[in-house]
C-alpha cells in the first residue's frame, strides 16, 4: 500500500474508535440522568441489575471494538514507517505507536473505572 492509502485507512480506524464510543455514551447519559433524578432508589432490584448489565455489555463491546482498532492501527503504523518518501503527516503518524499503546491502556482503564461508577450510581 502507498502512503495515501495507509493514511486513509488510519483515518477510518480513528473514526471507528469514535463511533464505537457513541452507544456507550448514550447508555451512560441515560444512567446519569436516571441516577441524577434518583430513579434507581425506587427501582426494583431486577431493574437495577438490568441497567448495570446493559451498561456492562455496551461498554465491553465498545472496548473490544476500540481495542481492535488500536491493534490494527499499530500494524498500520508499522507499514507506514516502511513506506518510502513519506510526507510530514505520514512521518508523524508513523511515530504514533507509543500513543496507540497509551490509548489501548486508557480505553481499558477508563472503561473499568466508568463501569465501577455506573454500579455505584445504580446500586447507590
Protein backbone atom coordinates (compact mmCIF):
# COMPACT_ATOMS: atom_id res chain seq x y z
CA UNK A 1 0.00 0.00 0.00
CA UNK A 2 1.16 3.52 -0.62
CA UNK A 3 1.25 6.33 1.93
CA UNK A 4 -2.03 7.88 0.78
CA UNK A 5 -3.92 4.59 1.17
CA UNK A 6 -2.36 3.98 4.58
CA UNK A 7 -3.32 7.46 5.83
CA UNK A 8 -6.87 6.95 4.54
CA UNK A 9 -7.03 3.64 6.43
CA UNK A 10 -5.60 5.36 9.54
CA UNK A 11 -8.41 7.91 9.44
CA UNK A 12 -11.01 5.16 9.03
CA UNK A 13 -9.67 3.39 12.12
CA UNK A 14 -9.75 6.61 14.12
CA UNK A 15 -13.36 7.12 13.05
CA UNK A 16 -14.16 3.55 14.09
CA UNK A 17 -12.90 4.29 17.61
CA UNK A 18 -15.00 7.45 17.78
CA UNK A 19 -18.16 5.74 16.51
CA UNK A 20 -17.64 2.86 18.96
CA UNK A 21 -17.97 5.40 21.77
CA UNK A 22 -21.43 6.63 20.72
CA UNK A 23 -23.62 3.80 22.05
CA UNK A 24 -21.89 3.59 25.44
CA UNK A 25 -22.07 7.37 25.75
CA UNK A 26 -25.83 7.29 25.19
CA UNK A 27 -26.21 4.49 27.75
CA UNK A 28 -24.11 6.45 30.24
CA UNK A 29 -26.18 9.58 29.63
CA UNK A 30 -29.32 7.56 30.41
CA UNK A 31 -27.82 6.14 33.60
CA UNK A 32 -26.55 9.58 34.61
CA UNK A 33 -29.95 11.23 34.10
CA UNK A 34 -31.83 8.49 35.92
CA UNK A 35 -29.33 8.46 38.79
CA UNK A 36 -29.46 12.26 39.00
CA UNK A 37 -33.24 12.09 39.25
CA UNK A 38 -32.85 9.40 41.95
CA UNK A 39 -34.94 6.93 39.92
CA UNK A 40 -32.82 3.95 40.88
CA UNK A 41 -33.72 4.38 44.54
CA UNK A 42 -37.32 3.47 43.67
CA UNK A 43 -36.45 0.80 41.10
CA UNK A 44 -36.67 -2.93 41.70
CA UNK A 45 -33.51 -4.98 42.01
CA UNK A 46 -34.19 -6.51 38.60
CA UNK A 47 -34.33 -3.09 37.01
CA UNK A 48 -31.08 -2.07 38.65
CA UNK A 49 -29.30 -5.23 37.51
CA UNK A 50 -30.68 -4.78 34.00
CA UNK A 51 -29.30 -1.23 33.86
CA UNK A 52 -25.91 -2.45 35.08
CA UNK A 53 -25.97 -5.37 32.62
CA UNK A 54 -26.83 -3.20 29.65
CA UNK A 55 -24.11 -0.72 30.61
CA UNK A 56 -21.61 -3.58 31.00
CA UNK A 57 -22.41 -5.27 27.70
CA UNK A 58 -22.43 -2.00 25.79
CA UNK A 59 -19.15 -0.95 27.37
CA UNK A 60 -17.44 -4.30 26.83
CA UNK A 61 -18.42 -4.42 23.16
CA UNK A 62 -17.18 -0.86 22.68
CA UNK A 63 -13.88 -1.63 24.41
CA UNK A 64 -13.37 -4.70 22.22
CA UNK A 65 -14.09 -2.67 19.08
CA UNK A 66 -11.84 0.17 20.15
CA UNK A 67 -9.04 -2.16 21.20
CA UNK A 68 -9.22 -3.99 17.85
CA UNK A 69 -8.96 -0.69 16.01
CA UNK A 70 -5.94 0.27 18.12
CA UNK A 71 -4.21 -3.06 17.38
CA UNK A 72 -4.90 -2.67 13.66
CA UNK A 73 -3.62 0.88 13.93
CA UNK A 74 -0.38 -0.43 15.41
CA UNK A 75 0.09 -2.68 12.37
CA UNK A 76 -0.73 0.23 10.07
CA UNK A 77 1.87 2.43 11.81
CA UNK A 78 4.48 -0.28 11.17
CA UNK A 79 3.54 -0.42 7.48
CA UNK A 80 3.56 3.36 7.20
CA UNK A 81 7.01 3.52 8.79
CA UNK A 82 8.28 1.32 5.94
CA UNK A 83 6.70 3.46 3.19
CA UNK A 84 9.17 5.40 1.07
CA UNK A 85 9.04 9.17 0.60
CA UNK A 86 6.65 9.96 3.43
CA UNK A 87 5.05 13.36 3.85
CA UNK A 88 5.24 15.19 7.16
CA UNK A 89 1.82 13.75 8.05
CA UNK A 90 2.95 10.25 7.15
CA UNK A 91 6.06 10.64 9.30
CA UNK A 92 4.02 11.94 12.24
CA UNK A 93 1.50 9.09 12.03
CA UNK A 94 4.28 6.50 11.71
CA UNK A 95 5.68 7.77 15.03
CA UNK A 96 2.36 7.19 16.85
CA UNK A 97 2.95 3.68 18.19
CA UNK A 98 3.56 4.91 21.74
CA UNK A 99 0.38 6.96 21.67
CA UNK A 100 -1.55 3.93 20.43
CA UNK A 101 -0.24 1.86 23.34
CA UNK A 102 -1.29 4.55 25.80
CA UNK A 103 -4.72 4.69 24.11
CA UNK A 104 -5.22 0.94 24.49
CA UNK A 105 -4.41 1.14 28.20
CA UNK A 106 -6.60 4.22 28.68
CA UNK A 107 -9.57 2.63 26.89
CA UNK A 108 -9.44 -0.38 29.19
CA UNK A 109 -8.70 1.56 32.38
CA UNK A 110 -11.32 4.22 31.86
CA UNK A 111 -13.85 1.57 30.83
CA UNK A 112 -13.38 -0.30 34.10
CA UNK A 113 -13.49 2.91 36.14
CA UNK A 114 -16.65 4.07 34.38
CA UNK A 115 -18.33 0.73 34.97
CA UNK A 116 -17.49 0.95 38.68
CA UNK A 117 -19.11 4.39 38.77
CA UNK A 118 -22.20 3.03 36.99
CA UNK A 119 -22.55 0.27 39.58
CA UNK A 120 -22.15 2.83 42.37
CA UNK A 121 -24.73 5.18 40.79
CA UNK A 122 -27.28 2.43 40.20
CA UNK A 123 -26.91 0.49 43.44
CA UNK A 124 -26.06 3.61 45.47
